[in-house]
């Protein structure tokens, strides 16, 4: 699940492309999972609002990044869902206390609420002229959320909801129930070592519960141990190999070749705590439905209690809104107007003015001028068969005046019929066209275009006058001349 720019507001959550952020000026980070920090790098130069614990994790990642890149792990490269290492300058990280309301300017007030997802993860309650918006980000619903003072009896105009598990056919147990399932599995393999696949952030509570249940250390990497100490987790983790028989590794290491290798030295089982369906590649890999995202029943309970005016799924699913429709507030039609941010308004107005100045005639001239070779002439009779006569006829040099209508001697623009008569006597055709840079002849005879006809005059005016002559006039003068000519044609 990526980030969002909230329409009608100056707010962006987990969205780090300023170029595509439109009028967003306030940027928020919900938590430190990698799919929520895509695009966040050392070039970031705007205030970034997050929880204090997420700010500490960001600072820690900056220190780790300064030591140099980590050595690559053996085996094929695999995508990681854990924490990224964005090199964000510290001066732009602005921690906000959880449970308190903060006025940030732009007439926006935000309150951070515990998301019950991973350490530092929060939901955002935004208030402003746009109404009241609750953005859950990744969250696991708990009944304790009903006791939040800012959510009780509060009208929520828009609810941005984590719909990762919005599937009625896939129920999920509570995390405590899933943890007990993992404990039963371990007891069923008393002589086995246990490897638990986790992301670089999350599932810490499960590891602590298993360590306490079985009275053993949980062995982790030195970098993960530093992070556990930063998160102030209970002292059940160690980096000393062999100190305990439960080990936490990156989820990417739980695969067939590693299980084969581990079982050659000692019987080992692997536990994958996840709510997503996984492909089992080894008989000693056991998925456990332990998820940090809300189940479908929990989502329904949350929306039913909150009664928002509208629900916007954060994970795209066409059916999600239909599931929650019956729980929406009855006054959902009274939503506040979504105002377009001022920078976006100014940009749209500027584009509108530019488009107004570029008339249809100018656009047509611009397209002709963009051809790489010569001036493109087009016959008014597009469906006339191509003659067998000679090709490569050159356009004769002619004298043109600045105006399309004048009385100067020798001006082709106002003596079209005279020039046409000369062309008929010489056997040349009046319509010529250039295709792919080459000039070709196109027949336009009197039987196709009667002499003195309005259509003939119009085409001769537009098609026989070279582009560079037409461009000598200003756009206003050219438009005036065309309108005057059209009026004359209608009057005749």
Protein backbone atom coordinates (compact mmCIF):
# COMPACT_ATOMS: atom_id res chain seq x y z
CA UNK A 1 0.00 0.00 0.00
CA UNK A 2 1.53 3.28 -1.11
CA UNK A 3 0.82 6.87 -0.14
CA UNK A 4 -1.87 9.35 -1.08
CA UNK A 5 -2.37 13.01 -1.82
CA UNK A 6 -5.71 13.93 -0.22
CA UNK A 7 -7.85 15.80 -2.80
CA UNK A 8 -9.05 19.25 -1.77
CA UNK A 9 -6.42 19.53 0.98
CA UNK A 10 -2.75 20.56 1.25
CA UNK A 11 -1.98 17.12 2.74
CA UNK A 12 0.05 14.14 1.50
CA UNK A 13 0.56 10.96 3.52
CA UNK A 14 3.41 8.54 2.73
CA UNK A 15 3.75 10.28 -0.64
CA UNK A 16 7.24 11.58 -1.48
CA UNK A 17 7.11 12.80 -5.08
CA UNK A 18 6.82 16.58 -4.86
CA UNK A 19 6.52 16.81 -8.64
CA UNK A 20 3.33 14.72 -8.58
CA UNK A 21 1.99 16.04 -5.28
CA UNK A 22 0.10 18.96 -6.84
CA UNK A 23 -0.75 21.56 -4.21
CA UNK A 24 0.31 19.42 -1.22
CA UNK A 25 2.46 21.33 1.27
CA UNK A 26 2.13 19.22 4.44
CA UNK A 27 3.79 15.78 4.30
CA UNK A 28 3.21 12.99 6.85
CA UNK A 29 4.89 9.61 7.43
CA UNK A 30 2.66 6.98 9.05
CA UNK A 31 5.40 4.40 9.78
CA UNK A 32 8.75 3.10 8.60
CA UNK A 33 7.85 0.16 6.36
CA UNK A 34 9.60 0.38 3.00
CA UNK A 35 6.44 0.56 0.89
CA UNK A 36 5.56 3.79 2.72
CA UNK A 37 8.92 5.48 2.23
CA UNK A 38 9.34 5.00 -1.53
CA UNK A 39 10.87 8.20 -2.92
CA UNK A 40 12.04 9.50 0.45
CA UNK A 41 15.73 10.32 0.02
CA UNK A 42 18.50 12.76 0.87
CA UNK A 43 17.09 15.30 -1.58
CA UNK A 44 14.02 15.82 0.63
CA UNK A 45 13.79 19.47 1.70
CA UNK A 46 10.39 19.87 3.34
CA UNK A 47 9.07 19.33 6.88
CA UNK A 48 8.15 15.69 7.49
CA UNK A 49 5.68 15.02 10.31
CA UNK A 50 5.62 11.66 12.12
CA UNK A 51 5.44 10.08 15.56
CA UNK A 52 8.39 10.46 17.98
CA UNK A 53 9.25 6.75 17.68
CA UNK A 54 9.26 6.89 13.88
CA UNK A 55 11.49 9.98 14.12
CA UNK A 56 13.95 8.01 16.29
CA UNK A 57 13.93 5.17 13.77
CA UNK A 58 14.62 7.66 10.98
CA UNK A 59 17.54 9.12 12.95
CA UNK A 60 18.86 5.61 13.59
CA UNK A 61 18.68 4.75 9.90
CA UNK A 62 20.64 7.90 9.09
CA UNK A 63 23.40 6.81 11.45
CA UNK A 64 23.43 3.29 10.01
CA UNK A 65 23.52 4.66 6.47
CA UNK A 66 26.52 6.85 7.34
CA UNK A 67 28.58 3.76 8.22
CA UNK A 68 28.41 2.49 4.66
CA UNK A 69 26.28 0.04 2.75
CA UNK A 70 25.48 -3.32 4.31
CA UNK A 71 27.10 -6.41 2.81
CA UNK A 72 24.74 -8.30 0.49
CA UNK A 73 23.27 -11.53 1.79
CA UNK A 74 24.01 -14.76 -0.08
CA UNK A 75 21.32 -16.13 -2.39
CA UNK A 76 19.04 -14.50 -4.94
CA UNK A 77 17.89 -10.94 -4.43
CA UNK A 78 14.32 -10.68 -3.18
CA UNK A 79 11.99 -7.73 -2.57
CA UNK A 80 11.94 -6.46 1.00
CA UNK A 81 8.91 -5.12 2.83
CA UNK A 82 10.86 -3.99 5.86
CA UNK A 83 12.33 -0.59 6.58
CA UNK A 84 14.01 1.43 3.90
CA UNK A 85 17.09 3.55 4.57
CA UNK A 86 16.05 7.04 3.44
CA UNK A 87 18.83 9.54 3.99
CA UNK A 88 16.54 12.39 5.10
CA UNK A 89 18.30 15.40 6.66
CA UNK A 90 17.43 15.53 10.35
CA UNK A 91 16.43 19.18 10.27
CA UNK A 92 13.31 18.30 8.27
CA UNK A 93 12.03 15.55 10.62
CA UNK A 94 9.28 17.02 12.85
CA UNK A 95 8.00 14.57 15.53
CA UNK A 96 4.47 15.13 16.87
CA UNK A 97 3.26 13.68 20.16
CA UNK A 98 0.68 10.93 19.86
CA UNK A 99 -2.76 11.70 21.31
CA UNK A 100 -2.38 15.47 21.11
CA UNK A 101 -3.79 17.92 18.57
CA UNK A 102 -1.31 20.04 16.63
CA UNK A 103 -2.06 23.18 14.57
CA UNK A 104 0.33 23.17 11.60
CA UNK A 105 -0.64 26.21 9.58
CA UNK A 106 -2.59 26.07 6.32
CA UNK A 107 -5.59 26.01 8.72
CA UNK A 108 -4.94 22.31 9.36
CA UNK A 109 -5.06 20.56 12.73
CA UNK A 110 -3.78 16.99 13.07
CA UNK A 111 -4.03 14.43 15.86
CA UNK A 112 -1.87 11.30 15.84
CA UNK A 113 -3.43 8.03 17.10
CA UNK A 114 -1.80 4.66 17.73
CA UNK A 115 -2.38 2.42 14.67
CA UNK A 116 -1.63 -0.89 16.48
CA UNK A 117 0.43 -1.99 13.45
CA UNK A 118 4.16 -1.80 14.16
CA UNK A 119 6.37 0.32 16.45
CA UNK A 120 5.80 4.02 15.70
CA UNK A 121 2.83 3.47 13.34
CA UNK A 122 0.04 6.05 13.70
CA UNK A 123 -3.27 7.10 12.20
CA UNK A 124 -3.88 10.77 11.32
CA UNK A 125 -7.03 12.73 12.16
CA UNK A 126 -7.06 15.88 10.01
CA UNK A 127 -9.38 18.83 10.61
CA UNK A 128 -9.76 21.96 8.50
CA UNK A 129 -11.96 23.80 6.00
CA UNK A 130 -12.15 20.52 4.05
CA UNK A 131 -13.94 18.83 6.96
CA UNK A 132 -12.68 15.97 9.15
CA UNK A 133 -10.58 13.17 7.64
CA UNK A 134 -9.32 10.03 9.36
CA UNK A 135 -6.40 8.37 7.55
CA UNK A 136 -5.71 4.97 9.11
CA UNK A 137 -2.65 3.97 7.11
CA UNK A 138 -1.70 0.39 7.97
CA UNK A 139 -3.60 -0.49 11.18
CA UNK A 140 -5.04 -3.36 13.21
CA UNK A 141 -8.34 -2.46 14.80
CA UNK A 142 -8.65 -2.95 18.55
CA UNK A 143 -11.62 -2.22 20.79
CA UNK A 144 -9.40 0.19 22.76
CA UNK A 145 -9.66 2.62 19.84
CA UNK A 146 -13.25 3.31 20.86
CA UNK A 147 -11.91 4.99 23.98
CA UNK A 148 -10.04 7.63 22.00
CA UNK A 149 -11.63 10.97 23.03
CA UNK A 150 -11.07 12.57 19.60
CA UNK A 151 -12.98 9.75 17.87
CA UNK A 152 -15.99 9.48 20.16
CA UNK A 153 -19.13 11.07 18.69
CA UNK A 154 -17.02 12.67 15.98
CA UNK A 155 -18.33 13.28 12.46
CA UNK A 156 -15.84 11.81 9.97
CA UNK A 157 -16.35 13.18 6.46
CA UNK A 158 -13.79 10.90 4.82
CA UNK A 159 -12.30 7.67 6.12
CA UNK A 160 -9.19 6.45 4.31
CA UNK A 161 -9.23 2.79 5.36
CA UNK A 162 -6.57 0.06 5.30
CA UNK A 163 -8.38 -2.65 3.31
CA UNK A 164 -5.51 -5.14 3.02
CA UNK A 165 -7.72 -7.99 4.26
CA UNK A 166 -11.08 -6.78 2.97
CA UNK A 167 -12.16 -10.31 2.01
CA UNK A 168 -15.07 -11.98 3.82
CA UNK A 169 -13.92 -15.42 2.64
CA UNK A 170 -10.55 -15.13 4.46
CA UNK A 171 -11.14 -14.67 8.19
CA UNK A 172 -8.19 -13.88 10.46
CA UNK A 173 -7.79 -14.77 14.12
CA UNK A 174 -6.65 -12.24 16.66
CA UNK A 175 -2.91 -11.86 17.16
CA UNK A 176 -3.04 -13.45 20.58
CA UNK A 177 -4.84 -16.48 19.11
CA UNK A 178 -2.25 -16.72 16.30
CA UNK A 179 0.57 -16.52 18.86
CA UNK A 180 -0.92 -19.46 20.76
CA UNK A 181 -1.09 -21.38 17.48
CA UNK A 182 2.63 -20.75 16.98
CA UNK A 183 3.34 -21.97 20.52
CA UNK A 184 1.42 -25.21 19.91
CA UNK A 185 3.41 -25.77 16.72
CA UNK A 186 6.70 -25.37 18.58
CA UNK A 187 5.60 -27.80 21.29
CA UNK A 188 4.77 -30.31 18.57
CA UNK A 189 8.46 -30.23 17.49
CA UNK A 190 10.34 -30.42 20.82
CA UNK A 191 13.69 -31.42 19.32
CA UNK A 192 13.68 -28.75 16.59
CA UNK A 193 15.24 -25.35 16.47
CA UNK A 194 12.82 -22.59 15.48
CA UNK A 195 13.43 -19.88 12.89
CA UNK A 196 10.86 -17.06 12.62
CA UNK A 197 10.75 -15.01 9.43
CA UNK A 198 9.99 -11.35 10.09
CA UNK A 199 10.41 -8.02 8.34
CA UNK A 200 12.96 -5.56 9.67
CA UNK A 201 10.16 -3.83 11.60
CA UNK A 202 7.12 -5.56 13.06
CA UNK A 203 6.19 -8.83 14.85
CA UNK A 204 8.35 -7.85 17.85
CA UNK A 205 5.45 -8.62 20.22
CA UNK A 206 5.22 -12.18 18.87
CA UNK A 207 8.93 -12.77 19.42
CA UNK A 208 8.71 -11.47 22.99
CA UNK A 209 5.69 -13.69 23.71
CA UNK A 210 7.47 -16.81 22.41
CA UNK A 211 10.64 -15.99 24.37
CA UNK A 212 8.68 -15.63 27.60
CA UNK A 213 6.55 -18.71 26.90
CA UNK A 214 9.54 -21.02 26.37
CA UNK A 215 12.13 -19.26 28.56
CA UNK A 216 14.76 -18.81 25.84
CA UNK A 217 16.68 -16.01 24.21
CA UNK A 218 15.70 -14.90 20.72
CA UNK A 219 18.83 -14.65 18.57
CA UNK A 220 18.88 -11.73 16.15
CA UNK A 221 21.45 -9.94 13.99
CA UNK A 222 23.54 -7.15 15.59
CA UNK A 223 21.72 -4.46 13.61
CA UNK A 224 18.33 -5.79 14.66
CA UNK A 225 19.52 -5.94 18.28
CA UNK A 226 20.39 -2.24 18.12
CA UNK A 227 16.92 -1.53 16.83
CA UNK A 228 15.29 -3.60 19.58
CA UNK A 229 17.19 -1.57 22.15
CA UNK A 230 16.14 1.65 20.42
CA UNK A 231 12.51 0.51 20.61
CA UNK A 232 13.03 -0.27 24.32
CA UNK A 233 11.79 -3.83 23.89
CA UNK A 234 12.07 -6.34 26.81
CA UNK A 235 15.50 -7.82 27.29
CA UNK A 236 14.91 -11.15 25.56
CA UNK A 237 17.05 -10.53 22.45
CA UNK A 238 20.70 -11.35 21.88
CA UNK A 239 23.16 -11.34 18.98
CA UNK A 240 25.17 -14.26 20.43
CA UNK A 241 24.89 -17.32 18.20
CA UNK A 242 23.73 -20.44 20.04
CA UNK A 243 22.49 -18.54 23.11
CA UNK A 244 18.89 -19.49 22.33
CA UNK A 245 17.03 -21.98 20.12
CA UNK A 246 14.59 -19.44 18.64
CA UNK A 247 16.08 -17.22 15.95
CA UNK A 248 14.55 -14.28 14.05
CA UNK A 249 15.69 -13.84 10.45
CA UNK A 250 14.61 -11.78 7.48
CA UNK A 251 11.49 -13.18 5.85
CA UNK A 252 13.38 -13.50 2.54
CA UNK A 253 15.56 -16.21 4.12
CA UNK A 254 12.60 -18.54 4.61
CA UNK A 255 12.87 -20.60 1.44
CA UNK A 256 13.63 -24.14 0.34
CA UNK A 257 17.43 -23.96 0.01
CA UNK A 258 17.95 -22.40 3.45
CA UNK A 259 15.65 -24.98 5.10
CA UNK A 260 17.62 -27.79 3.47
CA UNK A 261 20.87 -26.24 4.71
CA UNK A 262 19.64 -25.72 8.28
CA UNK A 263 18.25 -29.25 8.55
CA UNK A 264 21.57 -30.79 7.53
CA UNK A 265 23.12 -29.53 10.77
CA UNK A 266 20.11 -29.68 13.11
CA UNK A 267 16.35 -30.35 12.78
CA UNK A 268 14.75 -26.98 12.15
CA UNK A 269 11.27 -25.63 11.50
CA UNK A 270 10.44 -22.21 10.07
CA UNK A 271 7.44 -20.10 11.07
CA UNK A 272 6.04 -17.46 8.73
CA UNK A 273 3.70 -15.10 10.64
CA UNK A 274 1.57 -13.52 7.90
CA UNK A 275 -2.07 -13.00 6.98
CA UNK A 276 -1.37 -13.29 3.28
CA UNK A 277 -1.49 -16.58 1.36
CA UNK A 278 2.00 -17.98 0.80
CA UNK A 279 3.45 -20.74 -1.37
CA UNK A 280 4.99 -23.52 0.70
CA UNK A 281 8.30 -24.69 -0.81
CA UNK A 282 9.43 -26.99 2.01
CA UNK A 283 7.50 -29.30 4.42
CA UNK A 284 9.17 -27.67 7.42
CA UNK A 285 7.79 -24.18 6.59
CA UNK A 286 4.64 -23.34 8.57
CA UNK A 287 2.64 -20.16 7.92
CA UNK A 288 0.81 -18.75 10.94
CA UNK A 289 -2.10 -16.27 10.39
CA UNK A 290 -0.50 -13.58 12.53
CA UNK A 291 -1.23 -10.22 10.88
CA UNK A 292 -0.68 -6.56 11.70
CA UNK A 293 -3.60 -5.59 9.43
CA UNK A 294 -7.29 -5.61 10.38
CA UNK A 295 -9.44 -8.60 9.48
CA UNK A 296 -12.64 -8.15 7.49
CA UNK A 297 -14.84 -8.50 10.57
CA UNK A 298 -12.70 -5.95 12.44
CA UNK A 299 -13.01 -3.49 9.53
CA UNK A 300 -16.79 -3.85 9.57
CA UNK A 301 -16.88 -3.33 13.33
CA UNK A 302 -14.69 -0.24 13.06
CA UNK A 303 -16.70 1.38 10.25
CA UNK A 304 -20.01 0.52 11.93
CA UNK A 305 -18.88 2.23 15.12
CA UNK A 306 -17.31 5.25 13.42
CA UNK A 307 -20.18 5.86 10.93
CA UNK A 308 -18.17 7.98 8.47
CA UNK A 309 -19.80 9.87 5.60
CA UNK A 310 -17.61 8.08 3.04
CA UNK A 311 -14.98 5.34 2.90
CA UNK A 312 -11.97 5.45 0.55
CA UNK A 313 -10.09 2.11 0.38
CA UNK A 314 -6.31 2.46 0.64
CA UNK A 315 -5.86 -0.90 -1.08
CA UNK A 316 -7.80 -0.89 -4.34
CA UNK A 317 -10.77 -3.22 -4.27
CA UNK A 318 -14.00 -2.52 -6.14
CA UNK A 319 -16.10 -4.42 -3.58
CA UNK A 320 -14.83 -2.75 -0.41
CA UNK A 321 -17.07 0.31 -0.60
CA UNK A 322 -20.10 -1.89 -1.20
CA UNK A 323 -19.33 -3.87 1.95
CA UNK A 324 -19.36 -0.73 4.11
CA UNK A 325 -22.19 1.17 2.43
CA UNK A 326 -24.76 0.16 5.05
CA UNK A 327 -22.60 1.50 7.88
CA UNK A 328 -22.19 5.03 6.48
CA UNK A 329 -23.70 8.08 8.11
CA UNK A 330 -27.12 9.10 6.79
CA UNK A 331 -25.96 12.69 6.23
CA UNK A 332 -23.22 11.72 3.77
CA UNK A 333 -24.74 14.09 1.22
CA UNK A 334 -23.75 17.05 3.41
CA UNK A 335 -20.05 16.70 2.72
CA UNK A 336 -18.09 19.98 2.66
CA UNK A 337 -17.03 21.33 -0.69
CA UNK A 338 -13.61 20.07 -1.75
CA UNK A 339 -11.72 23.26 -2.46
CA UNK A 340 -8.88 23.16 -4.91
CA UNK A 341 -5.65 24.41 -3.27
CA UNK A 342 -4.61 27.90 -4.35
CA UNK A 343 -1.39 26.85 -6.20
CA UNK A 344 -3.42 24.38 -8.25
CA UNK A 345 -6.05 27.04 -8.99
CA UNK A 346 -3.39 29.48 -10.20
CA UNK A 347 -1.79 26.82 -12.39
CA UNK A 348 -5.12 25.91 -13.99
CA UNK A 349 -5.99 29.58 -14.60
CA UNK A 350 -2.61 30.18 -16.27
CA UNK A 351 -3.10 27.14 -18.51
CA UNK A 352 -6.60 28.35 -19.42
CA UNK A 353 -5.29 31.78 -20.44
CA UNK A 354 -2.56 30.21 -22.56
CA UNK A 355 -5.04 27.98 -24.35
CA UNK A 356 -7.36 30.94 -24.99
CA UNK A 357 -4.59 32.94 -26.63
CA UNK A 358 -3.78 30.06 -28.98
CA UNK A 359 -6.66 30.17 -31.48
CA UNK A 360 -7.74 27.33 -33.74
CA UNK A 361 -6.17 29.03 -36.74
CA UNK A 362 -2.85 29.42 -34.92
CA UNK A 363 -2.88 25.77 -33.93
CA UNK A 364 -3.39 24.75 -37.55
CA UNK A 365 -0.53 26.96 -38.66
CA UNK A 366 1.67 25.59 -35.91
CA UNK A 367 1.04 22.01 -37.04
CA UNK A 368 1.99 22.88 -40.62
CA UNK A 369 5.10 24.68 -39.51
CA UNK A 370 6.23 21.65 -37.48
CA UNK A 371 6.78 19.58 -40.66
CA UNK A 372 10.50 19.03 -41.09
CA UNK A 373 10.77 19.87 -44.84
CA UNK A 374 9.08 22.69 -46.72
CA UNK A 375 5.54 24.00 -46.49
CA UNK A 376 2.77 21.41 -46.53
CA UNK A 377 0.02 22.20 -49.01
CA UNK A 378 -3.13 20.15 -49.02
CA UNK A 379 -5.65 19.76 -51.83
CA UNK A 380 -9.24 20.72 -51.01
CA UNK A 381 -10.36 17.56 -52.86
CA UNK A 382 -8.84 14.83 -50.71
CA UNK A 383 -10.70 11.99 -52.42
CA UNK A 384 -9.73 12.92 -56.00
CA UNK A 385 -7.71 10.22 -57.76
CA UNK A 386 -4.06 10.97 -58.33
CA UNK A 387 -3.33 11.79 -62.00
CA UNK A 388 -0.75 10.16 -64.20
CA UNK A 389 0.84 13.49 -64.99
CA UNK A 390 4.33 14.67 -64.03
CA UNK A 391 5.37 14.94 -60.36
CA UNK A 392 7.61 17.30 -58.44
CA UNK A 393 5.94 20.56 -59.54
CA UNK A 394 7.53 23.55 -57.83
CA UNK A 395 5.48 26.39 -56.41
CA UNK A 396 6.26 29.53 -58.43
CA UNK A 397 7.57 32.63 -56.67
CA UNK A 398 4.75 35.10 -56.07
CA UNK A 399 4.33 38.49 -54.49
CA UNK A 400 2.16 38.69 -51.39
CA UNK A 401 1.09 41.65 -49.37
CA UNK A 402 0.68 41.79 -45.61
CA UNK A 403 -3.10 41.68 -45.80
CA UNK A 404 -5.11 38.86 -47.30
CA UNK A 405 -7.31 41.42 -49.12
CA UNK A 406 -5.71 44.36 -50.91
CA UNK A 407 -5.70 46.16 -54.27
CA UNK A 408 -1.97 46.15 -54.98
CA UNK A 409 -0.92 45.13 -58.46
CA UNK A 410 0.60 41.67 -58.64
CA UNK A 411 -0.69 40.50 -55.29
CA UNK A 412 -1.74 36.88 -55.53
CA UNK A 413 -3.88 37.10 -52.36
CA UNK A 414 -6.31 39.51 -54.06
CA UNK A 415 -5.90 38.41 -57.68
CA UNK A 416 -6.63 34.74 -57.28
CA UNK A 417 -8.84 34.45 -60.34
CA UNK A 418 -6.19 36.09 -62.58
CA UNK A 419 -3.49 33.72 -61.38
CA UNK A 420 -5.87 30.79 -61.71
CA UNK A 421 -6.52 31.69 -65.33
CA UNK A 422 -2.79 31.76 -66.02
CA UNK A 423 -2.37 28.37 -64.38
CA UNK A 424 -5.18 26.89 -66.49
CA UNK A 425 -3.57 28.21 -69.69
CA UNK A 426 -0.20 26.74 -68.77
CA UNK A 427 -1.84 23.41 -67.96
CA UNK A 428 -0.79 23.46 -64.32
CA UNK A 429 -3.13 22.52 -61.50
CA UNK A 430 -3.92 24.95 -58.69
CA UNK A 431 -3.72 22.43 -55.82
CA UNK A 432 -0.36 20.93 -54.87
CA UNK A 433 0.58 18.88 -51.84
CA UNK A 434 3.74 17.84 -50.10
CA UNK A 435 3.79 14.38 -48.50
CA UNK A 436 6.83 13.15 -46.55
CA UNK A 437 8.79 16.21 -47.68
CA UNK A 438 8.17 15.77 -51.44
CA UNK A 439 5.89 18.07 -53.47
CA UNK A 440 3.24 16.29 -55.56
CA UNK A 441 0.53 17.49 -57.90
CA UNK A 442 -3.16 17.31 -56.89
CA UNK A 443 -5.77 18.11 -59.54
CA UNK A 444 -8.35 20.78 -58.79
CA UNK A 445 -10.33 21.46 -61.95
CA UNK A 446 -13.28 23.74 -62.60
CA UNK A 447 -15.65 20.81 -62.65
CA UNK A 448 -14.67 19.97 -59.10
CA UNK A 449 -14.54 23.56 -57.79
CA UNK A 450 -16.71 26.01 -59.78
CA UNK A 451 -15.15 29.37 -60.58
CA UNK A 452 -16.14 32.11 -58.16
CA UNK A 453 -17.47 29.62 -55.63
CA UNK A 454 -17.01 30.46 -51.95
CA UNK A 455 -15.38 27.13 -51.19
CA UNK A 456 -12.84 27.68 -53.97
CA UNK A 457 -11.96 31.16 -52.70
CA UNK A 458 -11.56 29.93 -49.16
CA UNK A 459 -9.27 27.09 -50.15
CA UNK A 460 -7.20 29.30 -52.42
CA UNK A 461 -6.81 31.81 -49.65
CA UNK A 462 -5.74 29.23 -47.06
CA UNK A 463 -3.81 26.79 -49.21
CA UNK A 464 -1.97 28.96 -51.74
CA UNK A 465 -0.62 31.55 -49.32
CA UNK A 466 2.70 30.38 -47.87
CA UNK A 467 2.94 30.00 -44.12
CA UNK A 468 5.69 32.58 -43.66
CA UNK A 469 3.49 35.25 -45.24
CA UNK A 470 0.52 34.43 -43.03
CA UNK A 471 2.72 34.56 -39.95
CA UNK A 472 3.76 38.13 -40.77
CA UNK A 473 0.38 39.23 -39.46
CA UNK A 474 -0.34 39.39 -35.77
CA UNK A 475 -2.77 36.75 -34.46
CA UNK A 476 -5.44 39.38 -33.81
CA UNK A 477 -5.17 40.85 -37.34
CA UNK A 478 -5.25 37.40 -38.90
CA UNK A 479 -8.35 36.37 -36.93
CA UNK A 480 -10.07 39.63 -37.89
CA UNK A 481 -9.32 39.08 -41.58
CA UNK A 482 -10.63 35.50 -41.49
CA UNK A 483 -13.84 36.50 -39.73
CA UNK A 484 -14.38 39.33 -42.24
CA UNK A 485 -13.84 36.96 -45.15
CA UNK A 486 -16.29 34.41 -43.75
CA UNK A 487 -18.92 37.08 -43.33
CA UNK A 488 -18.45 38.13 -46.97
CA UNK A 489 -18.89 34.49 -48.06
CA UNK A 490 -22.12 34.15 -46.12
CA UNK A 491 -23.45 37.41 -47.56
CA UNK A 492 -22.72 36.27 -51.13
